[in-house]
Amino acid sequence: MILTLLPKNLAKQGFSFVAGKGDVECKECRFYRTCVENLKPGRVYTVCSVRNIEHPCKIHDSGVKIVEVKEAQIEAAVPKKFAIEGATGIFSFSCKERCQYQDFCVPDGIKDGDKFLIISIKEKLECPLGNNIQRVILKRKD
């Protein structure tokens, strides 16, 4: 598990978010390492548990709470021939088409060149460009 801080209103078990780089004011905060440096910008995290410890924050008026997070599983589209449960690969799927599946083809939390493991296979997607793609649940690997 990874410890970080989230605004009180977002510190709820099951909440997922994309990590940012922090604001300018954050660099001077005594919690900078826990709040910002513990997370990788652009990665998606899910809150596993919320601790009853609150701290003031210059950015979030209501303050922040300590939460335990883990990197989230990602819904993505991969070529059907690679959609095998338990398979590993290197993510390399980009598409400029703006369609209903764009969030799967260019998902948050993973980028070209990232290694991944396919956790489960979902439905075939009807790509408007005719690409043979499948929706999968994957986990990024280091």
N, C-alpha and C. Protein backbone atom coordinates (compact mmCIF):
# COMPACT_ATOMS: atom_id res chain seq x y z
N MET A 1 0.83 -1.19 0.00
CA MET A 1 0.00 0.00 0.00
C MET A 1 0.88 1.25 0.00
N ILE A 2 0.32 2.29 -0.52
CA ILE A 2 1.00 3.58 -0.59
C ILE A 2 0.20 4.57 0.24
N LEU A 3 0.87 5.32 1.10
CA LEU A 3 0.20 6.37 1.87
C LEU A 3 0.29 7.68 1.11
N THR A 4 -0.82 8.41 1.09
CA THR A 4 -0.84 9.74 0.49
C THR A 4 -1.94 10.54 1.19
N LEU A 5 -2.15 11.75 0.72
CA LEU A 5 -3.18 12.62 1.29
C LEU A 5 -4.16 13.01 0.20
N LEU A 6 -5.44 13.07 0.57
CA LEU A 6 -6.48 13.50 -0.36
C LEU A 6 -7.40 14.50 0.35
N PRO A 7 -8.03 15.39 -0.42
CA PRO A 7 -9.01 16.29 0.19
C PRO A 7 -10.07 15.46 0.93
N LYS A 8 -10.55 15.98 2.05
CA LYS A 8 -11.49 15.24 2.89
C LYS A 8 -12.71 14.73 2.12
N ASN A 9 -13.22 15.55 1.19
CA ASN A 9 -14.43 15.15 0.46
C ASN A 9 -14.16 14.03 -0.55
N LEU A 10 -12.90 13.79 -0.90
CA LEU A 10 -12.56 12.73 -1.86
C LEU A 10 -11.99 11.49 -1.18
N ALA A 11 -11.67 11.61 0.09
CA ALA A 11 -11.04 10.51 0.83
C ALA A 11 -12.09 9.48 1.22
N LYS A 12 -12.47 8.68 0.23
CA LYS A 12 -13.48 7.65 0.44
C LYS A 12 -12.98 6.33 -0.17
N GLN A 13 -13.19 5.24 0.53
CA GLN A 13 -12.77 3.94 0.05
C GLN A 13 -13.41 3.68 -1.32
N GLY A 14 -12.59 3.23 -2.28
CA GLY A 14 -13.07 2.93 -3.62
C GLY A 14 -12.93 4.08 -4.61
N PHE A 15 -12.65 5.29 -4.11
CA PHE A 15 -12.49 6.45 -4.99
C PHE A 15 -11.21 6.29 -5.81
N SER A 16 -11.31 6.53 -7.12
CA SER A 16 -10.14 6.46 -8.00
C SER A 16 -9.82 7.84 -8.55
N PHE A 17 -8.53 8.08 -8.77
CA PHE A 17 -8.09 9.39 -9.25
C PHE A 17 -6.79 9.25 -10.03
N VAL A 18 -6.54 10.25 -10.88
CA VAL A 18 -5.29 10.32 -11.63
C VAL A 18 -4.36 11.25 -10.85
N ALA A 19 -3.18 10.76 -10.52
CA ALA A 19 -2.22 11.56 -9.74
C ALA A 19 -1.67 12.70 -10.58
N GLY A 20 -1.53 13.86 -9.94
CA GLY A 20 -0.94 15.02 -10.59
C GLY A 20 0.46 15.28 -10.06
N LYS A 21 0.99 16.45 -10.39
CA LYS A 21 2.35 16.80 -9.98
C LYS A 21 2.38 17.72 -8.77
N GLY A 22 1.21 18.13 -8.29
CA GLY A 22 1.15 19.06 -7.16
C GLY A 22 1.28 20.49 -7.64
N ASP A 23 0.80 21.42 -6.84
CA ASP A 23 0.88 22.84 -7.16
C ASP A 23 2.18 23.43 -6.64
N VAL A 24 2.46 24.66 -7.02
CA VAL A 24 3.67 25.36 -6.58
C VAL A 24 3.71 25.44 -5.06
N GLU A 25 2.56 25.74 -4.43
CA GLU A 25 2.51 25.86 -2.98
C GLU A 25 2.85 24.55 -2.28
N CYS A 26 2.62 23.43 -2.96
CA CYS A 26 2.85 22.11 -2.35
C CYS A 26 4.32 21.88 -2.00
N LYS A 27 5.22 22.40 -2.79
CA LYS A 27 6.65 22.14 -2.58
C LYS A 27 7.15 22.61 -1.22
N GLU A 28 6.49 23.61 -0.64
CA GLU A 28 6.90 24.15 0.66
C GLU A 28 6.24 23.42 1.85
N CYS A 29 5.29 22.55 1.54
CA CYS A 29 4.53 21.87 2.59
C CYS A 29 5.34 20.74 3.21
N ARG A 30 5.17 20.56 4.52
CA ARG A 30 5.90 19.48 5.21
C ARG A 30 5.39 18.09 4.81
N PHE A 31 4.23 18.01 4.17
CA PHE A 31 3.66 16.72 3.75
C PHE A 31 3.90 16.43 2.27
N TYR A 32 4.74 17.23 1.62
CA TYR A 32 4.96 17.11 0.17
C TYR A 32 5.35 15.69 -0.24
N ARG A 33 6.28 15.10 0.48
CA ARG A 33 6.74 13.76 0.11
C ARG A 33 5.60 12.74 0.16
N THR A 34 4.82 12.78 1.22
CA THR A 34 3.71 11.84 1.36
C THR A 34 2.60 12.14 0.37
N CYS A 35 2.28 13.39 0.21
CA CYS A 35 1.14 13.80 -0.60
C CYS A 35 1.42 13.70 -2.10
N VAL A 36 2.58 14.14 -2.54
CA VAL A 36 2.87 14.23 -3.97
C VAL A 36 3.91 13.21 -4.43
N GLU A 37 5.03 13.15 -3.75
CA GLU A 37 6.14 12.31 -4.23
C GLU A 37 5.89 10.81 -4.10
N ASN A 38 4.95 10.38 -3.27
CA ASN A 38 4.64 8.96 -3.15
C ASN A 38 3.91 8.42 -4.38
N LEU A 39 3.36 9.32 -5.20
CA LEU A 39 2.57 8.92 -6.37
C LEU A 39 3.29 9.26 -7.66
N LYS A 40 3.00 8.52 -8.70
CA LYS A 40 3.58 8.78 -10.02
C LYS A 40 2.56 9.56 -10.84
N PRO A 41 2.92 10.77 -11.30
CA PRO A 41 1.98 11.58 -12.09
C PRO A 41 1.45 10.82 -13.30
N GLY A 42 0.15 10.96 -13.54
CA GLY A 42 -0.48 10.31 -14.68
C GLY A 42 -0.98 8.90 -14.41
N ARG A 43 -0.64 8.35 -13.27
CA ARG A 43 -1.09 7.00 -12.92
C ARG A 43 -2.43 7.10 -12.18
N VAL A 44 -3.23 6.05 -12.30
CA VAL A 44 -4.53 6.00 -11.64
C VAL A 44 -4.39 5.20 -10.35
N TYR A 45 -4.92 5.76 -9.27
CA TYR A 45 -4.88 5.10 -7.96
C TYR A 45 -6.29 4.96 -7.41
N THR A 46 -6.49 3.93 -6.58
CA THR A 46 -7.76 3.70 -5.92
C THR A 46 -7.53 3.69 -4.41
N VAL A 47 -8.41 4.36 -3.68
CA VAL A 47 -8.32 4.42 -2.22
C VAL A 47 -8.77 3.07 -1.64
N CYS A 48 -7.88 2.47 -0.84
CA CYS A 48 -8.18 1.18 -0.18
C CYS A 48 -8.72 1.38 1.22
N SER A 49 -8.19 2.38 1.92
CA SER A 49 -8.68 2.69 3.26
C SER A 49 -8.38 4.14 3.59
N VAL A 50 -9.17 4.66 4.51
CA VAL A 50 -9.05 6.06 4.94
C VAL A 50 -8.73 6.06 6.43
N ARG A 51 -7.70 6.79 6.79
CA ARG A 51 -7.35 6.91 8.20
C ARG A 51 -8.02 8.15 8.79
N ASN A 52 -8.25 8.13 10.09
CA ASN A 52 -8.93 9.25 10.76
C ASN A 52 -7.95 10.35 11.17
N ILE A 53 -6.98 10.60 10.32
CA ILE A 53 -6.00 11.65 10.61
C ILE A 53 -6.17 12.74 9.56
N GLU A 54 -6.39 13.97 10.03
CA GLU A 54 -6.59 15.11 9.14
C GLU A 54 -5.47 16.11 9.31
N HIS A 55 -5.19 16.83 8.23
CA HIS A 55 -4.17 17.87 8.25
C HIS A 55 -4.68 19.08 7.49
N PRO A 56 -4.23 20.28 7.87
CA PRO A 56 -4.61 21.48 7.10
C PRO A 56 -3.86 21.45 5.76
N CYS A 57 -4.42 22.17 4.78
CA CYS A 57 -3.81 22.21 3.44
C CYS A 57 -4.03 23.58 2.83
N LYS A 58 -2.98 24.16 2.24
CA LYS A 58 -3.08 25.47 1.60
C LYS A 58 -3.90 25.41 0.31
N ILE A 59 -4.00 24.26 -0.30
CA ILE A 59 -4.72 24.09 -1.57
C ILE A 59 -6.18 23.72 -1.33
N HIS A 60 -6.42 22.81 -0.40
CA HIS A 60 -7.78 22.32 -0.13
C HIS A 60 -8.28 22.89 1.19
N ASP A 61 -9.23 23.82 1.10
CA ASP A 61 -9.73 24.54 2.27
C ASP A 61 -10.26 23.63 3.37
N SER A 62 -10.87 22.51 3.00
CA SER A 62 -11.45 21.63 4.00
C SER A 62 -10.39 20.76 4.68
N GLY A 63 -9.16 20.81 4.19
CA GLY A 63 -8.09 19.97 4.74
C GLY A 63 -7.98 18.66 4.00
N VAL A 64 -7.04 17.84 4.44
CA VAL A 64 -6.80 16.55 3.79
C VAL A 64 -6.76 15.44 4.82
N LYS A 65 -6.98 14.21 4.34
CA LYS A 65 -6.92 13.02 5.18
C LYS A 65 -5.87 12.08 4.62
N ILE A 66 -5.28 11.29 5.52
CA ILE A 66 -4.34 10.26 5.09
C ILE A 66 -5.14 9.08 4.56
N VAL A 67 -4.74 8.60 3.39
CA VAL A 67 -5.40 7.45 2.77
C VAL A 67 -4.34 6.44 2.32
N GLU A 68 -4.74 5.19 2.26
CA GLU A 68 -3.91 4.13 1.67
C GLU A 68 -4.46 3.88 0.28
N VAL A 69 -3.57 3.90 -0.72
CA VAL A 69 -3.99 3.69 -2.10
C VAL A 69 -3.16 2.59 -2.75
N LYS A 70 -3.68 2.09 -3.85
CA LYS A 70 -2.90 1.17 -4.70
C LYS A 70 -3.16 1.59 -6.14
N GLU A 71 -2.21 1.24 -7.00
CA GLU A 71 -2.39 1.56 -8.41
C GLU A 71 -3.58 0.76 -8.93
N ALA A 72 -4.47 1.43 -9.63
CA ALA A 72 -5.72 0.83 -10.07
C ALA A 72 -5.54 -0.06 -11.29
N GLN A 73 -6.45 -1.00 -11.46
CA GLN A 73 -6.54 -1.74 -12.71
C GLN A 73 -7.12 -0.80 -13.76
N ILE A 74 -6.80 -1.06 -15.01
CA ILE A 74 -7.17 -0.14 -16.09
C ILE A 74 -8.00 -0.87 -17.13
N GLU A 75 -9.08 -0.23 -17.56
CA GLU A 75 -9.85 -0.74 -18.69
C GLU A 75 -9.22 -0.18 -19.95
N ALA A 76 -8.88 -1.07 -20.87
CA ALA A 76 -8.20 -0.63 -22.09
C ALA A 76 -8.65 -1.49 -23.27
N ALA A 77 -8.33 -1.01 -24.47
CA ALA A 77 -8.56 -1.77 -25.69
C ALA A 77 -7.21 -2.26 -26.20
N VAL A 78 -7.16 -3.53 -26.57
CA VAL A 78 -5.95 -4.10 -27.16
C VAL A 78 -6.37 -4.87 -28.41
N PRO A 79 -5.44 -5.08 -29.33
CA PRO A 79 -5.77 -5.91 -30.49
C PRO A 79 -6.26 -7.28 -30.02
N LYS A 80 -7.33 -7.77 -30.63
CA LYS A 80 -7.96 -9.02 -30.21
C LYS A 80 -6.97 -10.17 -30.13
N LYS A 81 -6.00 -10.24 -31.04
CA LYS A 81 -5.06 -11.37 -31.05
C LYS A 81 -4.16 -11.39 -29.81
N PHE A 82 -4.08 -10.26 -29.09
CA PHE A 82 -3.27 -10.20 -27.86
C PHE A 82 -4.12 -10.28 -26.59
N ALA A 83 -5.43 -10.34 -26.74
CA ALA A 83 -6.35 -10.34 -25.60
C ALA A 83 -6.46 -11.74 -25.01
N ILE A 84 -5.46 -12.10 -24.19
CA ILE A 84 -5.42 -13.41 -23.55
C ILE A 84 -5.22 -13.20 -22.05
N GLU A 85 -6.15 -13.72 -21.26
CA GLU A 85 -6.04 -13.57 -19.81
C GLU A 85 -4.71 -14.13 -19.32
N GLY A 86 -4.00 -13.33 -18.50
CA GLY A 86 -2.71 -13.74 -17.97
C GLY A 86 -1.53 -13.36 -18.86
N ALA A 87 -1.81 -12.89 -20.06
CA ALA A 87 -0.74 -12.49 -20.97
C ALA A 87 -0.12 -11.17 -20.52
N THR A 88 1.14 -11.01 -20.82
CA THR A 88 1.83 -9.75 -20.56
C THR A 88 2.19 -9.13 -21.90
N GLY A 89 2.42 -7.84 -21.87
CA GLY A 89 2.79 -7.16 -23.10
C GLY A 89 3.30 -5.76 -22.81
N ILE A 90 3.56 -5.06 -23.88
CA ILE A 90 3.99 -3.66 -23.80
C ILE A 90 2.92 -2.83 -24.49
N PHE A 91 2.37 -1.86 -23.75
CA PHE A 91 1.26 -1.08 -24.29
C PHE A 91 1.74 -0.20 -25.43
N SER A 92 1.03 -0.32 -26.54
CA SER A 92 1.35 0.47 -27.72
C SER A 92 0.11 0.55 -28.58
N PHE A 93 -0.79 1.40 -28.18
CA PHE A 93 -2.05 1.52 -28.92
C PHE A 93 -2.43 2.98 -28.93
N SER A 94 -2.40 3.57 -30.07
CA SER A 94 -2.80 4.97 -30.14
C SER A 94 -3.75 5.15 -31.30
N CYS A 95 -4.66 6.04 -31.14
CA CYS A 95 -5.67 6.28 -32.17
C CYS A 95 -6.08 7.74 -32.08
N LYS A 96 -6.18 8.39 -33.19
CA LYS A 96 -6.58 9.80 -33.22
C LYS A 96 -8.10 9.95 -33.39
N GLU A 97 -8.78 8.85 -33.64
CA GLU A 97 -10.23 8.87 -33.86
C GLU A 97 -10.96 9.21 -32.55
N ARG A 98 -11.84 10.17 -32.61
CA ARG A 98 -12.66 10.51 -31.45
C ARG A 98 -13.97 9.75 -31.56
N CYS A 99 -14.06 8.66 -30.82
CA CYS A 99 -15.28 7.84 -30.85
C CYS A 99 -15.64 7.42 -29.43
N GLN A 100 -16.67 6.64 -29.30
CA GLN A 100 -17.14 6.22 -27.98
C GLN A 100 -16.14 5.33 -27.24
N TYR A 101 -15.14 4.80 -27.94
CA TYR A 101 -14.16 3.90 -27.30
C TYR A 101 -12.82 4.56 -27.04
N GLN A 102 -12.70 5.85 -27.27
CA GLN A 102 -11.41 6.53 -27.13
C GLN A 102 -10.81 6.35 -25.73
N ASP A 103 -11.64 6.36 -24.70
CA ASP A 103 -11.13 6.19 -23.34
C ASP A 103 -10.51 4.81 -23.11
N PHE A 104 -10.87 3.83 -23.91
CA PHE A 104 -10.26 2.50 -23.82
C PHE A 104 -8.98 2.44 -24.66
N CYS A 105 -8.99 3.09 -25.81
CA CYS A 105 -7.81 3.05 -26.70
C CYS A 105 -6.67 3.91 -26.17
N VAL A 106 -7.01 4.99 -25.50
CA VAL A 106 -6.00 5.89 -24.92
C VAL A 106 -6.40 6.12 -23.45
N PRO A 107 -6.28 5.08 -22.62
CA PRO A 107 -6.77 5.17 -21.24
C PRO A 107 -5.82 5.96 -20.33
N ASP A 108 -6.40 6.53 -19.27
CA ASP A 108 -5.59 7.14 -18.22
C ASP A 108 -4.85 6.04 -17.49
N GLY A 109 -3.64 6.35 -17.02
CA GLY A 109 -2.92 5.43 -16.16
C GLY A 109 -1.91 4.54 -16.84
N ILE A 110 -1.90 4.51 -18.16
CA ILE A 110 -0.91 3.70 -18.88
C ILE A 110 -0.52 4.47 -20.14
N LYS A 111 0.74 4.32 -20.52
CA LYS A 111 1.21 5.04 -21.70
C LYS A 111 2.02 4.09 -22.58
N ASP A 112 2.26 4.51 -23.81
CA ASP A 112 3.03 3.69 -24.73
C ASP A 112 4.36 3.29 -24.09
N GLY A 113 4.69 2.02 -24.19
CA GLY A 113 5.93 1.51 -23.64
C GLY A 113 5.80 0.89 -22.27
N ASP A 114 4.65 1.09 -21.58
CA ASP A 114 4.44 0.49 -20.27
C ASP A 114 4.17 -1.01 -20.41
N LYS A 115 4.74 -1.80 -19.50
CA LYS A 115 4.47 -3.22 -19.44
C LYS A 115 3.14 -3.43 -18.70
N PHE A 116 2.41 -4.48 -19.11
CA PHE A 116 1.12 -4.75 -18.46
C PHE A 116 0.85 -6.24 -18.39
N LEU A 117 -0.11 -6.59 -17.53
CA LEU A 117 -0.61 -7.95 -17.38
C LEU A 117 -2.11 -7.89 -17.57
N ILE A 118 -2.66 -8.74 -18.44
CA ILE A 118 -4.11 -8.77 -18.67
C ILE A 118 -4.76 -9.59 -17.56
N ILE A 119 -5.66 -8.95 -16.82
CA ILE A 119 -6.36 -9.57 -15.69
C ILE A 119 -7.60 -10.31 -16.17
N SER A 120 -8.38 -9.68 -17.06
CA SER A 120 -9.59 -10.33 -17.57
C SER A 120 -9.95 -9.76 -18.94
N ILE A 121 -10.73 -10.54 -19.67
CA ILE A 121 -11.17 -10.19 -21.01
C ILE A 121 -12.64 -9.77 -20.94
N LYS A 122 -12.95 -8.68 -21.60
CA LYS A 122 -14.33 -8.19 -21.66
C LYS A 122 -14.82 -8.32 -23.11
N GLU A 123 -15.74 -7.47 -23.51
CA GLU A 123 -16.37 -7.61 -24.82
C GLU A 123 -15.50 -7.08 -25.97
N LYS A 124 -15.83 -7.58 -27.16
CA LYS A 124 -15.22 -7.07 -28.40
C LYS A 124 -15.79 -5.68 -28.64
N LEU A 125 -14.96 -4.76 -29.10
CA LEU A 125 -15.41 -3.40 -29.38
C LEU A 125 -15.55 -3.21 -30.88
N GLU A 126 -16.61 -2.55 -31.29
CA GLU A 126 -16.86 -2.28 -32.71
C GLU A 126 -16.17 -0.98 -33.11
N CYS A 127 -14.91 -1.09 -33.50
CA CYS A 127 -14.11 0.08 -33.86
C CYS A 127 -14.63 0.70 -35.15
N PRO A 128 -14.87 2.02 -35.18
CA PRO A 128 -15.36 2.67 -36.40
C PRO A 128 -14.33 2.64 -37.54
N LEU A 129 -13.06 2.39 -37.21
CA LEU A 129 -12.02 2.30 -38.24
C LEU A 129 -11.80 0.86 -38.71
N GLY A 130 -12.53 -0.07 -38.10
CA GLY A 130 -12.42 -1.46 -38.51
C GLY A 130 -11.33 -2.24 -37.79
N ASN A 131 -10.69 -1.64 -36.79
CA ASN A 131 -9.67 -2.37 -36.02
C ASN A 131 -10.33 -3.47 -35.19
N ASN A 132 -9.70 -4.61 -35.12
CA ASN A 132 -10.21 -5.76 -34.37
C ASN A 132 -9.71 -5.64 -32.93
N ILE A 133 -10.49 -4.98 -32.07
CA ILE A 133 -10.04 -4.71 -30.70
C ILE A 133 -10.99 -5.30 -29.66
N GLN A 134 -10.41 -5.55 -28.50
CA GLN A 134 -11.13 -6.17 -27.39
C GLN A 134 -10.92 -5.32 -26.13
N ARG A 135 -11.98 -5.15 -25.36
CA ARG A 135 -11.85 -4.45 -24.08
C ARG A 135 -11.30 -5.43 -23.06
N VAL A 136 -10.29 -5.00 -22.31
CA VAL A 136 -9.67 -5.85 -21.29
C VAL A 136 -9.49 -5.05 -20.01
N ILE A 137 -9.29 -5.76 -18.92
CA ILE A 137 -8.87 -5.17 -17.66
C ILE A 137 -7.41 -5.56 -17.49
N LEU A 138 -6.55 -4.56 -17.31
CA LEU A 138 -5.14 -4.86 -17.18
C LEU A 138 -4.55 -4.15 -15.99
N LYS A 139 -3.38 -4.62 -15.61
CA LYS A 139 -2.63 -4.01 -14.51
C LYS A 139 -1.25 -3.66 -15.04
N ARG A 140 -0.84 -2.44 -14.80
CA ARG A 140 0.48 -2.00 -15.22
C ARG A 140 1.52 -2.72 -14.39
N LYS A 141 2.61 -3.11 -15.01
CA LYS A 141 3.71 -3.78 -14.31
C LYS A 141 4.94 -2.87 -14.33
N ASP A 142 5.73 -2.92 -13.27
CA ASP A 142 6.98 -2.14 -13.24
C ASP A 142 8.08 -2.86 -14.00
